[in-house]
Amino acid sequence: MCFTLAGLKKNIRILKFYSGMGNPKLRFLNAFLVAFSYLQASLSHKPVVYGMPPALGVELTNHCNLKCPECSCGSELMTRNKGFMKTGLFEKIVSELGPYLLNLNLCFQGESMLHPQFFNLLAKCRHIHSSLSTNGHFLSPENADLIVKSGLNKLIVSLDGMDQQTYSLYRVNGNLETVLTGIQNVAEARSRFSSPMKLVIQFIVNRHNEHQIGQVRDFANKMKATLHLKSMQIINGNTHEAWIPSISKYARYRKTEEGYSLRSRLPDRCARLWFNPVITWDGNVLPCCFDKDAEHIMGNLLEESFRDIWNGPRYRLFRRSLLTERAMIDICRNCTSGLDINFRGRFF
């Protein structure tokens, strides 16, 4: 296939024709076209987009068993309704977008494993590279076996402290021993079934747990897991002092005369608008994972196809705004895209 400008429209027609046939090579062609259009949009500041998103976040539910204070869901700052995604909607998502996806992330807000049909939904994306993030409270030996055998490619378990007191400062209502045992259950199941599933331990670094980074690294090595050290997002305007770590390289924010601000230049571009939308439990299509409260709805899958939404007027207008005045978009002010060069949102 030709990747010149002259051959681009032809490639898009071919992509649409073959997409329903499940050809894996077409997923990479689609990703190439999206990347090409993002580069073109970044240079021209025109909201052009080709292809379909190669990655997707799907919110199975925004219910959660924890009350994390800097989480939109756990802190009860979320104003939108709570519920569980219906099977029919999930099937529509997989049918429409599955042929294009290089990764399907089965989480947004809430705890996905609370969904009463969780394992049935997981089985429906067996042929799509998929990942799941969980707070780790439902990883019983039986569930660990089911997850490992499900075909899931990556499991991310949040572990934000190595003793109960430290852990529960952020993971309010959480039980550290339950999570540690759950991670061990998964590690043992991976070994028992010789599973290639990647196990990731995610550690949100804050002022109370930064001294335990060495301990969590040792635990991750013992579990043969990858460790992601993640910067902490602050959504309550007056709590920075309580949470921002003293080790500056782990902090997402800098102190200014006016208070605290994101360590980012907020350039007028962001790949998330081309590569990674989010769909809420009730079918709303959002521009990215930073729109926690669904303030920027591009359309609803119960009313339109994803393709119509993706190429529709609301998406075009939002992309145009991002390419010209991103700093004016509220959800961008906590985004990790475009952070200062000496800072990374994740550490390994």
Protein backbone atom coordinates (compact mmCIF):
# COMPACT_ATOMS: atom_id res chain seq x y z
CA MET A 1 0.00 0.00 0.00
CA CYS A 2 1.12 3.53 -0.76
CA PHE A 3 1.71 6.00 2.09
CA THR A 4 2.19 9.06 -0.08
CA LEU A 5 -0.26 11.93 0.08
CA ALA A 6 -1.62 10.92 -3.31
CA GLY A 7 -2.35 7.41 -2.08
CA LEU A 8 -3.83 8.38 1.27
CA LYS A 9 -7.48 8.49 0.22
CA LYS A 10 -7.08 5.16 -1.53
CA ASN A 11 -5.61 3.64 1.63
CA ILE A 12 -8.55 4.93 3.66
CA ARG A 13 -11.02 3.30 1.24
CA ILE A 14 -9.11 0.02 1.47
CA LEU A 15 -9.06 0.30 5.27
CA LYS A 16 -12.85 0.72 5.41
CA PHE A 17 -13.34 -2.25 3.06
CA TYR A 18 -11.16 -4.67 4.97
CA SER A 19 -11.79 -3.50 8.51
CA GLY A 20 -14.70 -5.84 9.06
CA MET A 21 -12.59 -8.85 8.09
CA GLY A 22 -10.42 -8.75 11.22
CA ASN A 23 -7.11 -8.48 9.35
CA PRO A 24 -4.45 -7.63 12.00
CA LYS A 25 -2.32 -5.79 9.44
CA LEU A 26 -5.16 -3.33 8.89
CA ARG A 27 -4.95 -2.34 12.56
CA PHE A 28 -1.40 -1.15 12.02
CA LEU A 29 -2.34 0.62 8.79
CA ASN A 30 -5.16 2.35 10.65
CA ALA A 31 -2.74 3.43 13.40
CA PHE A 32 -0.37 4.77 10.75
CA LEU A 33 -3.15 6.81 9.14
CA VAL A 34 -4.19 8.23 12.51
CA ALA A 35 -0.58 9.13 13.30
CA PHE A 36 -0.21 10.76 9.88
CA SER A 37 -3.34 12.84 10.40
CA TYR A 38 -2.23 13.88 13.89
CA LEU A 39 1.10 15.07 12.52
CA GLN A 40 -0.66 16.93 9.72
CA ALA A 41 -3.12 18.51 12.18
CA SER A 42 -0.34 19.54 14.56
CA LEU A 43 1.54 21.32 11.78
CA SER A 44 -1.45 22.88 10.02
CA HIS A 45 -3.65 23.50 13.11
CA LYS A 46 -6.55 22.06 11.13
CA PRO A 47 -8.58 19.25 12.77
CA VAL A 48 -8.03 16.63 10.07
CA VAL A 49 -8.34 12.99 11.15
CA TYR A 50 -8.01 9.78 9.13
CA GLY A 51 -8.94 6.28 10.21
CA MET A 52 -10.42 5.21 13.51
CA PRO A 53 -8.87 5.37 16.99
CA PRO A 54 -6.29 2.60 17.57
CA ALA A 55 -6.90 2.62 21.32
CA LEU A 56 -10.02 2.98 23.42
CA GLY A 57 -11.05 3.25 27.05
CA VAL A 58 -14.39 1.69 28.01
CA GLU A 59 -16.06 2.37 31.34
CA LEU A 60 -17.88 -0.80 32.40
CA THR A 61 -19.13 0.99 35.51
CA ASN A 62 -18.46 4.12 37.53
CA HIS A 63 -19.42 2.43 40.80
CA CYS A 64 -16.52 1.80 43.18
CA ASN A 65 -15.95 0.11 46.52
CA LEU A 66 -13.35 2.70 47.61
CA LYS A 67 -13.49 6.41 48.50
CA CYS A 68 -10.17 7.74 47.22
CA PRO A 69 -10.14 11.48 48.05
CA GLU A 70 -8.53 12.72 44.80
CA CYS A 71 -10.65 10.53 42.54
CA SER A 72 -13.71 12.04 40.90
CA CYS A 73 -15.69 8.89 41.61
CA GLY A 74 -14.44 8.13 45.12
CA SER A 75 -14.62 11.71 46.35
CA GLU A 76 -18.22 11.96 45.12
CA LEU A 77 -17.38 15.08 43.10
CA MET A 78 -18.73 13.30 40.05
CA THR A 79 -22.14 14.69 39.13
CA ARG A 80 -23.11 12.28 36.36
CA ASN A 81 -25.31 9.26 36.99
CA LYS A 82 -23.84 5.94 38.02
CA GLY A 83 -24.60 2.62 36.39
CA PHE A 84 -23.37 -0.47 34.57
CA MET A 85 -22.78 -0.79 30.83
CA LYS A 86 -25.32 -3.03 29.14
CA THR A 87 -24.09 -6.07 27.25
CA GLY A 88 -25.66 -4.91 23.99
CA LEU A 89 -23.78 -1.61 24.09
CA PHE A 90 -20.50 -3.37 24.81
CA GLU A 91 -21.10 -5.72 21.89
CA LYS A 92 -21.74 -2.72 19.63
CA ILE A 93 -18.45 -1.15 20.71
CA VAL A 94 -16.50 -4.35 20.05
CA SER A 95 -18.21 -4.83 16.69
CA GLU A 96 -17.62 -1.26 15.47
CA LEU A 97 -14.17 -0.63 16.85
CA GLY A 98 -12.63 -4.05 17.45
CA PRO A 99 -11.20 -4.38 13.91
CA TYR A 100 -9.17 -1.17 14.40
CA LEU A 101 -7.99 -1.46 17.99
CA LEU A 102 -4.43 -2.12 19.07
CA ASN A 103 -5.56 -1.85 22.68
CA LEU A 104 -8.88 -1.87 24.52
CA ASN A 105 -8.66 -0.58 28.08
CA LEU A 106 -11.54 -1.92 30.17
CA CYS A 107 -11.66 0.86 32.71
CA PHE A 108 -12.17 4.59 33.17
CA GLN A 109 -13.85 5.62 36.40
CA GLY A 110 -15.04 3.10 39.00
CA GLU A 111 -14.01 -0.50 39.60
CA SER A 112 -14.66 -2.60 36.51
CA MET A 113 -14.79 -5.89 38.40
CA LEU A 114 -17.95 -4.73 40.18
CA HIS A 115 -19.87 -5.20 36.93
CA PRO A 116 -22.22 -8.19 37.42
CA GLN A 117 -21.36 -9.45 33.90
CA PHE A 118 -17.66 -8.63 34.11
CA PHE A 119 -16.31 -11.99 32.95
CA ASN A 120 -18.88 -12.29 30.18
CA LEU A 121 -17.81 -8.88 28.84
CA LEU A 122 -14.16 -9.82 29.18
CA ALA A 123 -14.74 -12.91 27.04
CA LYS A 124 -16.18 -10.79 24.23
CA CYS A 125 -12.86 -9.03 23.62
CA ARG A 126 -10.66 -12.14 23.65
CA HIS A 127 -9.42 -11.40 20.12
CA ILE A 128 -8.54 -7.77 20.90
CA HIS A 129 -5.41 -6.75 22.78
CA SER A 130 -6.95 -5.66 26.06
CA SER A 131 -5.95 -4.33 29.46
CA LEU A 132 -7.66 -3.84 32.80
CA SER A 133 -6.94 -1.61 35.77
CA THR A 134 -8.30 -2.64 39.17
CA ASN A 135 -7.93 -1.68 42.81
CA GLY A 136 -7.22 -5.34 43.54
CA HIS A 137 -9.98 -6.17 46.02
CA PHE A 138 -11.65 -8.84 43.88
CA LEU A 139 -8.67 -10.99 42.89
CA SER A 140 -9.70 -14.16 44.71
CA PRO A 141 -7.97 -17.38 43.61
CA GLU A 142 -10.98 -18.22 41.43
CA ASN A 143 -11.13 -14.77 39.82
CA ALA A 144 -7.37 -14.72 39.33
CA ASP A 145 -7.59 -18.00 37.41
CA LEU A 146 -10.44 -16.68 35.26
CA ILE A 147 -8.57 -13.46 34.44
CA VAL A 148 -5.35 -15.23 33.54
CA LYS A 149 -7.20 -17.70 31.29
CA SER A 150 -9.42 -15.02 29.72
CA GLY A 151 -6.92 -13.81 27.15
CA LEU A 152 -6.45 -10.44 28.89
CA ASN A 153 -3.07 -9.03 27.85
CA LYS A 154 -2.32 -6.71 30.76
CA LEU A 155 -3.60 -6.42 34.31
CA ILE A 156 -2.79 -3.26 36.28
CA VAL A 157 -3.29 -3.42 40.05
CA SER A 158 -3.18 -0.24 42.14
CA LEU A 159 -1.02 -0.53 45.25
CA ASP A 160 -0.41 2.84 46.90
CA GLY A 161 1.22 1.90 50.19
CA MET A 162 3.07 -0.96 51.85
CA ASP A 163 1.42 -0.81 55.27
CA GLN A 164 -2.27 -0.48 56.08
CA GLN A 165 -2.02 2.99 57.59
CA THR A 166 -0.20 4.47 54.61
CA TYR A 167 -2.26 2.58 52.06
CA SER A 168 -5.63 3.60 53.51
CA LEU A 169 -4.77 7.29 53.62
CA TYR A 170 -5.52 7.36 49.91
CA ARG A 171 -7.31 4.06 49.31
CA VAL A 172 -10.04 4.86 51.82
CA ASN A 173 -12.05 1.75 52.82
CA GLY A 174 -9.36 -0.41 51.21
CA ASN A 175 -7.65 -3.44 52.75
CA LEU A 176 -3.95 -3.79 51.96
CA GLU A 177 -3.75 -7.47 52.86
CA THR A 178 -6.59 -8.27 50.47
CA VAL A 179 -4.76 -6.48 47.64
CA LEU A 180 -1.38 -8.08 48.37
CA THR A 181 -3.00 -11.51 48.49
CA GLY A 182 -4.86 -10.78 45.27
CA ILE A 183 -1.65 -9.84 43.46
CA GLN A 184 -0.05 -13.02 44.71
CA ASN A 185 -3.06 -15.02 43.47
CA VAL A 186 -2.59 -13.54 40.00
CA ALA A 187 1.16 -14.15 40.04
CA GLU A 188 0.64 -17.79 41.01
CA ALA A 189 -2.05 -18.25 38.35
CA ARG A 190 0.24 -16.78 35.69
CA SER A 191 2.93 -19.26 36.66
CA ARG A 192 0.54 -22.20 36.89
CA PHE A 193 -0.96 -21.60 33.45
CA SER A 194 2.28 -20.33 31.85
CA SER A 195 0.39 -17.17 30.93
CA PRO A 196 1.99 -14.34 28.92
CA MET A 197 -0.35 -11.82 30.55
CA LYS A 198 1.60 -8.82 31.81
CA LEU A 199 1.13 -7.98 35.49
CA VAL A 200 1.69 -4.32 36.40
CA ILE A 201 1.74 -2.86 39.90
CA GLN A 202 0.82 0.82 39.82
CA PHE A 203 2.03 3.01 42.67
CA ILE A 204 0.67 6.57 42.84
CA VAL A 205 3.49 8.47 44.51
CA ASN A 206 2.37 10.93 47.18
CA ARG A 207 3.81 12.62 50.25
CA HIS A 208 2.78 9.76 52.54
CA ASN A 209 4.09 6.78 50.57
CA GLU A 210 7.17 8.10 48.72
CA HIS A 211 9.45 6.53 51.35
CA GLN A 212 8.05 3.10 50.40
CA ILE A 213 9.10 3.11 46.74
CA GLY A 214 11.93 0.69 47.51
CA GLN A 215 9.56 -1.69 49.29
CA VAL A 216 7.02 -1.74 46.47
CA ARG A 217 9.81 -2.27 43.94
CA ASP A 218 11.02 -5.31 45.89
CA PHE A 219 7.47 -6.67 46.06
CA ALA A 220 6.96 -6.17 42.33
CA ASN A 221 10.19 -8.04 41.61
CA LYS A 222 9.06 -10.88 43.86
CA MET A 223 5.75 -11.10 41.98
CA LYS A 224 7.58 -10.89 38.62
CA ALA A 225 5.53 -7.78 37.89
CA THR A 226 6.35 -4.47 36.23
CA LEU A 227 6.27 -1.42 38.49
CA HIS A 228 4.75 1.86 37.28
CA LEU A 229 5.35 4.85 39.52
CA LYS A 230 2.60 7.30 38.65
CA SER A 231 2.29 11.00 39.41
CA MET A 232 -0.69 11.98 41.53
CA GLN A 233 -3.51 14.08 40.16
CA ILE A 234 -5.08 16.67 42.46
CA ILE A 235 -8.72 17.52 41.81
CA ASN A 236 -9.47 19.35 45.07
CA GLY A 237 -8.01 22.82 44.77
CA ASN A 238 -6.78 23.15 48.36
CA THR A 239 -5.15 19.77 48.99
CA HIS A 240 -1.83 20.05 47.13
CA GLU A 241 0.21 20.47 50.31
CA ALA A 242 -1.27 17.28 51.76
CA TRP A 243 -0.43 15.06 48.79
CA ILE A 244 2.35 16.38 46.56
CA PRO A 245 5.53 14.35 47.24
CA SER A 246 8.63 16.11 48.55
CA ILE A 247 10.71 14.41 45.84
CA SER A 248 10.10 16.93 43.07
CA LYS A 249 10.61 14.56 40.14
CA TYR A 250 7.48 12.68 41.20
CA ALA A 251 5.32 15.81 41.44
CA ARG A 252 2.88 16.74 38.67
CA TYR A 253 2.63 20.33 39.92
CA ARG A 254 4.92 23.23 40.73
CA LYS A 255 4.39 25.85 43.40
CA THR A 256 3.86 29.40 42.15
CA GLU A 257 3.02 32.74 43.73
CA GLU A 258 -0.65 32.05 42.94
CA GLY A 259 -0.58 28.52 44.37
CA TYR A 260 0.10 25.39 42.33
CA SER A 261 0.09 24.82 38.59
CA LEU A 262 0.66 21.87 36.30
CA ARG A 263 4.27 21.39 35.21
CA SER A 264 3.33 21.67 31.57
CA ARG A 265 3.62 24.13 28.73
CA LEU A 266 0.21 22.93 27.47
CA PRO A 267 1.20 23.03 23.78
CA ASP A 268 -1.62 23.35 21.26
CA ARG A 269 -1.66 19.67 20.40
CA CYS A 270 -2.50 16.39 22.14
CA ALA A 271 -2.41 12.90 20.63
CA ARG A 272 -5.24 11.70 22.88
CA LEU A 273 -7.78 13.46 20.62
CA TRP A 274 -6.64 11.28 17.73
CA PHE A 275 -5.60 8.04 19.42
CA ASN A 276 -7.53 7.30 22.57
CA PRO A 277 -11.17 8.31 23.21
CA VAL A 278 -13.27 7.02 26.10
CA ILE A 279 -16.80 5.60 26.18
CA THR A 280 -18.79 5.84 29.41
CA TRP A 281 -21.06 3.13 30.80
CA ASP A 282 -24.11 4.81 29.23
CA GLY A 283 -22.61 5.27 25.76
CA ASN A 284 -21.24 8.81 25.84
CA VAL A 285 -18.12 9.29 23.73
CA LEU A 286 -15.55 11.53 25.46
CA PRO A 287 -12.39 13.06 24.00
CA CYS A 288 -10.03 11.51 26.54
CA CYS A 289 -9.61 10.02 30.01
CA PHE A 290 -9.24 13.43 31.67
CA ASP A 291 -12.90 14.24 31.12
CA LYS A 292 -13.90 12.45 34.32
CA ASP A 293 -17.34 14.01 34.65
CA ALA A 294 -18.28 13.80 30.94
CA GLU A 295 -18.34 17.56 30.44
CA HIS A 296 -17.38 17.32 26.76
CA ILE A 297 -19.68 14.72 25.19
CA MET A 298 -18.96 14.19 21.50
CA GLY A 299 -22.02 12.00 20.96
CA ASN A 300 -23.77 8.89 22.26
CA LEU A 301 -23.47 5.39 20.82
CA LEU A 302 -27.09 4.64 21.63
CA GLU A 303 -28.05 7.27 19.06
CA GLU A 304 -25.24 7.25 16.46
CA SER A 305 -22.48 5.06 15.12
CA PHE A 306 -19.00 5.69 16.45
CA ARG A 307 -17.73 6.61 12.98
CA ASP A 308 -20.35 9.35 12.66
CA ILE A 309 -19.40 10.71 16.08
CA TRP A 310 -15.64 10.45 15.42
CA ASN A 311 -15.95 12.44 12.21
CA GLY A 312 -18.80 14.64 13.41
CA PRO A 313 -19.02 18.41 13.98
CA ARG A 314 -18.59 18.32 17.76
CA TYR A 315 -15.33 16.35 17.51
CA ARG A 316 -14.04 18.65 14.76
CA LEU A 317 -14.82 21.74 16.82
CA PHE A 318 -13.14 20.29 19.93
CA ARG A 319 -10.03 19.27 17.99
CA ARG A 320 -9.89 22.75 16.45
CA SER A 321 -10.10 24.35 19.90
CA LEU A 322 -7.30 22.14 21.18
CA LEU A 323 -5.09 23.01 18.20
CA THR A 324 -5.53 26.75 18.75
CA GLU A 325 -6.16 27.39 22.46
CA ARG A 326 -5.63 24.23 24.47
CA ALA A 327 -4.87 26.14 27.68
CA MET A 328 -8.48 27.35 27.68
CA ILE A 329 -9.91 23.81 27.85
CA ASP A 330 -10.64 22.89 31.47
CA ILE A 331 -9.89 19.18 31.31
CA CYS A 332 -6.45 19.89 29.82
CA ARG A 333 -5.28 21.66 32.97
CA ASN A 334 -4.58 18.37 34.76
CA CYS A 335 -3.31 16.47 31.72
CA THR A 336 0.12 14.82 31.70
CA SER A 337 0.59 15.32 27.95
CA GLY A 338 3.21 17.99 27.33
CA LEU A 339 4.79 18.00 30.78
CA ASP A 340 8.23 19.57 31.19
CA ILE A 341 11.06 17.56 29.68
CA ASN A 342 12.58 16.62 33.05
CA PHE A 343 9.30 15.19 34.26
CA ARG A 344 7.46 12.03 33.27
CA GLY A 345 3.98 11.02 34.36
CA ARG A 346 5.20 7.47 34.91
CA PHE A 347 8.48 6.16 36.25
CA PHE A 348 9.84 2.64 35.95
